[in-house]
C-alpha cells in the first residue's frame, strides 16, 4: 500500500566522523515495527545509525527533478516489515554516479530486488529471477530522481538495508544488520552483534566491529580493522583484502584476484586463500590450525616467539625461507616439513608460483 507520511523537520546527520549528507526539510519519517525490518532503494545514499525505542525508524528524502514520481510503500514481505522506494521507469538517472557510469539489476514490481524468493530478498544474487531490468546511470533519459535515507536501529533489532547504487555508511549499531549494495561503497564503524556486508561492485571498510562479521565484494577491495568476533569471513572476487587487529575463533579470507595482508591476528583457526596475489598473515598468538594457499604469488607468515605447530610447506615454484628454528623432517628448495616449538598446532602452506617466508611477528 502507498502511504502519505507526515513531514518531519530538517535535520543534519550526526555521527562519528564527517557527515555523509544533510537532508533538507522534506524528510519523511516511517516506522517499522516487528522482529525484522528491511529497506529497499535503487539510488541514493543511506546512513544507518543507532536508534531509540522499540521500532526501526526510516527517514527518507526524495530528490531530483522528478522526485515527486517516487512512491514510498510499506508492508510485510517474506516475514519482514519493509519500506520500499518504488521508481516508475526502467531507467533511473542518478547524477552522483558521474556521466559515464551505469549499473543494472532486476527489480520486482513491489520495489524489492536481490535473491530468488521472499525469504532471500536482500540477498547476494542481484540478478535474481523475476522483475524487470532497471538501469541506473549518471546521465541520459529516464526518471531523474533518487532518495537519501537515514535508518535508525534500536539495540537488538534485525535489519536488512538493500541499496541499488550509491553509498551506505553505518555507525554504532547494535543488532543483526545485513547490508547489500549492488554498486558503491560500504563503510561501517562501531557495530556490535551480527554484521553481514556485501557489495557487488565497490569496496567495503569495516572498523571496530564486535560479533560475527562477514564482508564480501564482487569487485573491490576490503579493509577491516579492530574486529573481535566468533567468526570473521572476508571474500572478494577481484580486489585486495587488508586489515589489522582481528580476533576470532574462526577467520577466513578469500581473494579471487588480489593480495591478502592481515596483521595482528589472534585466531584459533585461520584460512587465507588467494587465486592470484601475495598473502601475508601476522599472528600475535598461538593458533590451532593455519592454512594458507595462493595460486600465483608468495606467502609470508609471521608468528610470535612462543608459537608451536606441525609445519607443512609446498611451493610449485619458489624457495622456502625460515627466520627461526624449525626441527625439520623433510627439507628441499620447494618443500619443508617439521616442527615449530611445541608442535601443538598445525600450519599448512601451498603456493603454485611464489616463495614462502616464515618470520617472527
Protein backbone atom coordinates (compact mmCIF):
# COMPACT_ATOMS: atom_id res chain seq x y z
CA UNK A 1 0.00 0.00 0.00
CA UNK A 2 1.09 3.60 -0.57
CA UNK A 3 1.41 5.83 2.47
CA UNK A 4 1.21 9.59 2.92
CA UNK A 5 3.50 10.05 5.92
CA UNK A 6 3.94 13.21 7.89
CA UNK A 7 6.78 15.56 7.01
CA UNK A 8 9.48 15.93 9.65
CA UNK A 9 11.63 18.99 10.20
CA UNK A 10 15.08 19.26 8.65
CA UNK A 11 17.99 17.62 10.37
CA UNK A 12 21.71 17.18 9.87
CA UNK A 13 23.34 13.79 10.32
CA UNK A 14 25.35 13.48 13.49
CA UNK A 15 27.86 10.63 13.53
CA UNK A 16 31.44 9.73 14.26
CA UNK A 17 33.50 11.37 11.53
CA UNK A 18 32.26 13.67 8.74
CA UNK A 19 28.55 13.69 7.89
CA UNK A 20 27.63 11.76 4.76
CA UNK A 21 24.98 14.24 3.71
CA UNK A 22 22.47 16.69 5.21
CA UNK A 23 18.81 16.08 4.49
CA UNK A 24 16.71 19.09 3.52
CA UNK A 25 13.34 19.93 5.05
CA UNK A 26 11.34 17.34 3.07
CA UNK A 27 12.46 14.29 5.03
CA UNK A 28 9.60 11.81 5.58
CA UNK A 29 9.51 9.61 8.65
CA UNK A 30 8.36 5.97 8.67
CA UNK A 31 8.17 3.40 11.49
CA UNK A 32 8.83 -0.33 11.05
CA UNK A 33 7.65 -2.46 13.97
CA UNK A 34 8.12 -6.22 14.38
CA UNK A 35 11.10 -8.52 14.77
CA UNK A 36 12.57 -7.95 11.28
CA UNK A 37 12.76 -4.85 9.11
CA UNK A 38 14.03 -4.26 5.57
CA UNK A 39 14.65 -1.14 3.48
CA UNK A 40 14.92 -1.07 -0.33
CA UNK A 41 16.04 1.80 -2.56
CA UNK A 42 17.58 1.96 -6.04
CA UNK A 43 19.66 5.14 -5.92
CA UNK A 44 20.91 7.45 -3.20
CA UNK A 45 22.92 7.49 0.00
CA UNK A 46 21.95 5.70 3.19
CA UNK A 47 23.21 6.21 6.70
CA UNK A 48 22.40 3.60 9.36
CA UNK A 49 22.66 4.71 12.99
CA UNK A 50 21.68 3.66 16.49
CA UNK A 51 18.05 4.44 17.32
CA UNK A 52 15.85 4.67 20.39
CA UNK A 53 12.65 2.90 21.37
CA UNK A 54 11.43 -0.45 20.04
CA UNK A 55 10.85 0.18 16.33
CA UNK A 56 13.14 0.89 13.40
CA UNK A 57 12.66 4.40 12.03
CA UNK A 58 13.50 5.36 8.44
CA UNK A 59 13.69 8.99 7.32
CA UNK A 60 13.54 9.32 3.53
CA UNK A 61 14.23 12.35 1.37
CA UNK A 62 13.25 12.18 -2.29
CA UNK A 63 15.38 14.39 -4.54
CA UNK A 64 15.97 15.23 -8.19
CA UNK A 65 13.92 16.98 -10.86
CA UNK A 66 11.28 14.23 -10.85
CA UNK A 67 11.32 13.33 -7.15
CA UNK A 68 7.52 13.50 -7.00
CA UNK A 69 7.33 10.38 -9.20
CA UNK A 70 8.86 8.20 -6.49
CA UNK A 71 6.46 6.27 -4.25
CA UNK A 72 7.29 5.02 -0.78
CA UNK A 73 5.45 1.81 0.10
CA UNK A 74 5.27 -0.21 3.29
CA UNK A 75 4.16 -3.76 4.10
CA UNK A 76 5.18 -7.27 5.13
CA UNK A 77 7.22 -9.26 2.57
CA UNK A 78 8.98 -12.52 3.35
CA UNK A 79 8.17 -12.17 7.05
CA UNK A 80 9.82 -8.73 7.35
CA UNK A 81 8.30 -5.29 7.73
CA UNK A 82 9.54 -3.49 4.62
CA UNK A 83 9.88 0.06 3.41
CA UNK A 84 10.42 0.39 -0.35
CA UNK A 85 11.15 3.36 -2.58
CA UNK A 86 9.44 2.47 -5.87
CA UNK A 87 10.70 4.01 -9.14
CA UNK A 88 8.25 4.27 -12.08
CA UNK A 89 10.59 3.62 -15.05
CA UNK A 90 13.13 1.06 -16.17
CA UNK A 91 15.81 3.78 -16.39
CA UNK A 92 16.87 5.89 -13.41
CA UNK A 93 19.18 8.90 -13.65
CA UNK A 94 21.36 9.43 -10.59
CA UNK A 95 23.81 12.31 -11.23
CA UNK A 96 26.11 11.45 -8.30
CA UNK A 97 27.31 8.42 -10.28
CA UNK A 98 29.01 10.59 -12.91
CA UNK A 99 28.10 10.91 -16.58
CA UNK A 100 29.89 7.75 -17.77
CA UNK A 101 28.72 5.38 -15.02
CA UNK A 102 25.84 2.91 -15.22
CA UNK A 103 24.63 -0.19 -13.40
CA UNK A 104 21.79 -2.68 -13.97
CA UNK A 105 19.80 -5.00 -11.74
CA UNK A 106 16.45 -6.77 -11.76
CA UNK A 107 13.68 -5.18 -9.69
CA UNK A 108 10.27 -6.61 -8.84
CA UNK A 109 7.06 -4.59 -9.11
CA UNK A 110 6.93 -4.20 -5.31
CA UNK A 111 10.33 -2.46 -5.29
CA UNK A 112 12.32 -5.39 -3.87
CA UNK A 113 15.41 -6.86 -5.52
CA UNK A 114 18.06 -9.49 -4.86
CA UNK A 115 17.60 -13.18 -4.06
CA UNK A 116 15.22 -15.63 -5.72
CA UNK A 117 12.46 -15.91 -3.12
CA UNK A 118 10.75 -13.82 -0.46
CA UNK A 119 12.98 -15.25 2.27
CA UNK A 120 16.12 -14.42 0.25
CA UNK A 121 15.18 -10.90 -0.78
CA UNK A 122 18.01 -8.57 0.04
CA UNK A 123 20.46 -11.40 -0.58
CA UNK A 124 23.59 -11.57 -2.68
CA UNK A 125 22.03 -12.54 -6.03
CA UNK A 126 21.34 -9.15 -7.64
CA UNK A 127 20.10 -10.75 -10.83
CA UNK A 128 17.50 -12.86 -9.01
CA UNK A 129 14.59 -14.25 -11.03
CA UNK A 130 11.52 -12.16 -11.68
CA UNK A 131 11.02 -8.45 -12.15
CA UNK A 132 12.29 -6.11 -14.83
CA UNK A 133 15.80 -4.98 -15.60
CA UNK A 134 16.45 -1.46 -14.35
CA UNK A 135 19.42 0.60 -15.49
CA UNK A 136 20.78 3.32 -13.22
CA UNK A 137 23.02 5.85 -14.93
CA UNK A 138 24.63 9.18 -14.20
CA UNK A 139 23.25 10.84 -17.31
CA UNK A 140 20.64 10.29 -20.03
CA UNK A 141 16.91 9.71 -20.30
CA UNK A 142 14.81 8.17 -17.56
CA UNK A 143 13.45 9.18 -14.16
CA UNK A 144 15.64 11.96 -12.80
CA UNK A 145 15.13 11.13 -9.13
CA UNK A 146 16.75 9.40 -6.18
CA UNK A 147 16.23 9.06 -2.43
CA UNK A 148 18.58 9.55 0.51
CA UNK A 149 17.73 7.85 3.78
CA UNK A 150 18.61 7.68 7.44
CA UNK A 151 17.84 4.35 9.16
CA UNK A 152 17.65 4.38 12.97
CA UNK A 153 18.09 0.93 14.52
CA UNK A 154 17.26 0.27 18.21
CA UNK A 155 19.50 -2.17 20.09
CA UNK A 156 18.82 -5.84 19.37
CA UNK A 157 16.80 -5.35 16.17
CA UNK A 158 17.27 -7.27 12.90
CA UNK A 159 17.51 -5.02 9.84
CA UNK A 160 18.32 -5.52 6.16
CA UNK A 161 19.39 -2.50 4.09
CA UNK A 162 19.24 -3.07 0.33
CA UNK A 163 20.57 -0.36 -1.96
CA UNK A 164 20.98 -0.40 -5.72
CA UNK A 165 23.57 2.32 -6.40
CA UNK A 166 25.14 4.83 -4.04
CA UNK A 167 26.84 4.67 -0.70
CA UNK A 168 25.96 3.12 2.66
CA UNK A 169 27.57 4.09 5.97
CA UNK A 170 26.87 2.50 9.35
CA UNK A 171 27.76 3.88 12.78
CA UNK A 172 27.27 2.47 16.30
CA UNK A 173 24.53 -0.06 15.51
CA UNK A 174 23.91 -2.92 17.97
CA UNK A 175 21.87 -5.74 16.46
CA UNK A 176 21.65 -8.04 13.47
CA UNK A 177 22.47 -5.99 10.39
CA UNK A 178 22.69 -7.04 6.75
CA UNK A 179 23.73 -4.53 4.08
CA UNK A 180 23.53 -5.26 0.35
CA UNK A 181 24.69 -2.74 -2.24
CA UNK A 182 24.73 -3.53 -5.96
CA UNK A 183 27.24 -0.80 -6.89
CA UNK A 184 29.02 1.51 -4.49
CA UNK A 185 31.00 1.63 -1.26
CA UNK A 186 30.05 0.49 2.24
CA UNK A 187 31.67 1.76 5.42
CA UNK A 188 30.85 0.66 8.99
CA UNK A 189 32.21 1.68 12.38
CA UNK A 190 31.41 0.74 15.95
CA UNK A 191 28.94 -2.10 15.36
CA UNK A 192 28.10 -4.95 17.72
CA UNK A 193 26.09 -8.09 17.06
CA UNK A 194 25.93 -9.79 13.66
CA UNK A 195 27.21 -7.80 10.68
CA UNK A 196 26.86 -9.06 7.09
CA UNK A 197 28.02 -6.64 4.38
CA UNK A 198 28.03 -7.28 0.64
CA UNK A 199 28.66 -5.04 -2.33
CA UNK A 200 28.53 -6.24 -5.92
CA UNK A 201 30.89 -3.60 -7.29
CA UNK A 202 32.74 -1.33 -4.90
CA UNK A 203 34.88 -1.52 -1.81
CA UNK A 204 33.96 -2.07 1.81
CA UNK A 205 35.58 -0.90 5.03
CA UNK A 206 34.67 -2.29 8.46
CA UNK A 207 36.15 -0.91 11.68
CA UNK A 208 35.61 -1.64 15.38
CA UNK A 209 33.09 -4.44 14.99
CA UNK A 210 32.09 -6.87 17.75
CA UNK A 211 30.32 -10.11 16.89
CA UNK A 212 30.09 -12.34 13.83
CA UNK A 213 31.35 -10.41 10.78
CA UNK A 214 31.01 -11.25 7.09
CA UNK A 215 32.22 -8.84 4.40
CA UNK A 216 32.03 -9.57 0.66
CA UNK A 217 32.71 -7.72 -2.57
CA UNK A 218 32.27 -8.97 -6.11
CA UNK A 219 34.74 -6.38 -7.38
CA UNK A 220 36.54 -4.07 -4.98
CA UNK A 221 38.93 -4.11 -2.07
CA UNK A 222 38.13 -4.84 1.58
CA UNK A 223 39.61 -3.16 4.66
CA UNK A 224 38.91 -4.43 8.20
CA UNK A 225 40.38 -3.08 11.45
CA UNK A 226 39.67 -3.73 15.11
CA UNK A 227 37.41 -6.77 14.68
CA UNK A 228 36.53 -9.10 17.54
CA UNK A 229 34.03 -11.87 16.93
CA UNK A 230 33.29 -15.56 16.91
CA UNK A 231 33.68 -15.76 13.12
CA UNK A 232 35.18 -13.34 10.61
CA UNK A 233 34.70 -14.09 6.91
CA UNK A 234 36.19 -11.88 4.17
CA UNK A 235 35.59 -12.53 0.47
CA UNK A 236 36.37 -10.60 -2.70
CA UNK A 237 36.18 -11.74 -6.29
CA UNK A 238 38.56 -9.07 -7.54
CA UNK A 239 40.46 -6.81 -5.16
CA UNK A 240 42.77 -6.99 -2.17
CA UNK A 241 41.96 -7.75 1.46
CA UNK A 242 43.78 -5.72 4.10
CA UNK A 243 43.32 -5.44 7.84
CA UNK A 244 44.71 -5.39 11.35
CA UNK A 245 43.70 -6.18 14.90
CA UNK A 246 41.46 -9.17 14.17
CA UNK A 247 40.45 -11.57 16.93
CA UNK A 248 38.20 -14.53 16.16
CA UNK A 249 37.72 -18.22 16.78
CA UNK A 250 37.46 -18.72 13.01
CA UNK A 251 38.98 -16.37 10.41
CA UNK A 252 38.56 -16.95 6.68
CA UNK A 253 39.86 -14.66 3.92
CA UNK A 254 39.41 -15.43 0.22
CA UNK A 255 40.51 -13.24 -2.70
CA UNK A 256 39.91 -14.44 -6.24
CA UNK A 257 42.29 -11.89 -7.72
CA UNK A 258 44.24 -9.71 -5.31
CA UNK A 259 46.54 -9.99 -2.35
CA UNK A 260 45.76 -10.55 1.32
CA UNK A 261 47.56 -8.73 4.15
CA UNK A 262 46.28 -9.23 7.71
CA UNK A 263 48.29 -8.09 10.75
CA UNK A 264 47.77 -8.54 14.48
CA UNK A 265 45.66 -11.67 14.05
CA UNK A 266 44.56 -13.78 17.01
CA UNK A 267 42.55 -16.77 15.77
CA UNK A 268 42.13 -20.41 16.71
CA UNK A 269 41.65 -21.25 13.03
CA UNK A 270 42.87 -19.03 10.19
CA UNK A 271 42.41 -19.75 6.49
CA UNK A 272 43.69 -17.39 3.77
CA UNK A 273 43.40 -18.17 0.07
CA UNK A 274 44.28 -16.02 -2.94
CA UNK A 275 43.79 -17.12 -6.51
CA UNK A 276 46.37 -14.58 -7.62
CA UNK A 277 48.32 -12.36 -5.24
CA UNK A 278 50.69 -12.32 -2.28
CA UNK A 279 49.41 -13.45 1.12
CA UNK A 280 50.84 -12.09 4.37
CA UNK A 281 49.44 -13.21 7.72
CA UNK A 282 50.94 -11.97 11.01
CA UNK A 283 49.82 -13.89 14.10
CA UNK A 284 50.08 -12.43 17.56
CA UNK A 285 49.38 -15.64 19.46
CA UNK A 286 49.27 -19.42 19.08
CA UNK A 287 46.75 -20.92 16.65
CA UNK A 288 45.36 -24.43 16.41
CA UNK A 289 45.07 -24.51 12.62
CA UNK A 290 46.54 -22.19 9.95
CA UNK A 291 46.08 -22.84 6.23
CA UNK A 292 47.39 -20.51 3.52
CA UNK A 293 47.30 -21.00 -0.25
CA UNK A 294 47.88 -18.90 -3.34
CA UNK A 295 47.79 -19.90 -6.97
CA UNK A 296 50.22 -17.21 -8.09
CA UNK A 297 52.16 -15.19 -5.53
CA UNK A 298 54.29 -15.58 -2.46
CA UNK A 299 53.37 -16.20 1.17
CA UNK A 300 54.73 -14.56 4.33
CA UNK A 301 53.69 -15.96 7.70
CA UNK A 302 54.69 -14.13 10.87
CA UNK A 303 54.45 -15.96 14.21
CA UNK A 304 55.25 -14.95 17.83
CA UNK A 305 58.21 -16.35 19.74
CA UNK A 306 56.10 -18.89 21.69
CA UNK A 307 54.32 -20.23 18.61
CA UNK A 308 54.15 -24.01 18.20
CA UNK A 309 52.87 -26.13 15.30
CA UNK A 310 53.49 -29.01 12.95
CA UNK A 311 54.56 -27.39 9.67
CA UNK A 312 53.99 -28.41 6.06
CA UNK A 313 55.12 -26.11 3.21
CA UNK A 314 54.99 -26.93 -0.51
CA UNK A 315 55.78 -24.50 -3.33
CA UNK A 316 55.34 -25.19 -7.02
CA UNK A 317 57.92 -22.60 -7.96
CA UNK A 318 59.88 -20.66 -5.36
CA UNK A 319 62.04 -21.25 -2.32
CA UNK A 320 61.30 -21.58 1.41
CA UNK A 321 62.96 -19.19 3.87
CA UNK A 322 62.74 -19.65 7.66
CA UNK A 323 63.81 -16.95 10.11
CA UNK A 324 63.63 -19.04 13.31
CA UNK A 325 64.45 -22.61 14.44
CA UNK A 326 62.44 -25.45 12.92
CA UNK A 327 63.03 -29.15 13.59
CA UNK A 328 62.94 -30.39 10.01
CA UNK A 329 61.89 -33.89 8.96
CA UNK A 330 61.98 -33.16 5.23
CA UNK A 331 63.62 -30.18 3.56
CA UNK A 332 64.27 -29.13 -0.05
CA UNK A 333 64.08 -25.99 -2.12
CA UNK A 334 60.33 -26.40 -2.67
CA UNK A 335 59.25 -28.29 0.45
CA UNK A 336 59.61 -28.16 4.22
CA UNK A 337 58.07 -30.42 6.85
CA UNK A 338 58.90 -30.14 10.51
CA UNK A 339 58.02 -28.85 13.96
CA UNK A 340 57.92 -25.31 15.35
CA UNK A 341 58.19 -25.07 19.13
CA UNK A 342 55.90 -27.48 20.98
CA UNK A 343 54.19 -28.60 17.77
CA UNK A 344 50.67 -28.36 19.20
CA UNK A 345 49.10 -26.55 16.28
CA UNK A 346 49.06 -27.14 12.54
CA UNK A 347 50.38 -24.90 9.72
CA UNK A 348 49.90 -25.77 6.05
CA UNK A 349 51.12 -23.50 3.23
CA UNK A 350 50.77 -24.11 -0.50
CA UNK A 351 51.82 -21.91 -3.43
CA UNK A 352 51.53 -22.59 -7.15
CA UNK A 353 54.09 -19.95 -8.08
CA UNK A 354 55.97 -17.95 -5.45
CA UNK A 355 58.22 -18.34 -2.46
CA UNK A 356 57.37 -18.77 1.23
CA UNK A 357 58.86 -16.82 4.12
CA UNK A 358 58.42 -17.70 7.80
CA UNK A 359 59.31 -14.80 10.10
CA UNK A 360 58.78 -13.59 13.66
CA UNK A 361 55.77 -11.31 14.01
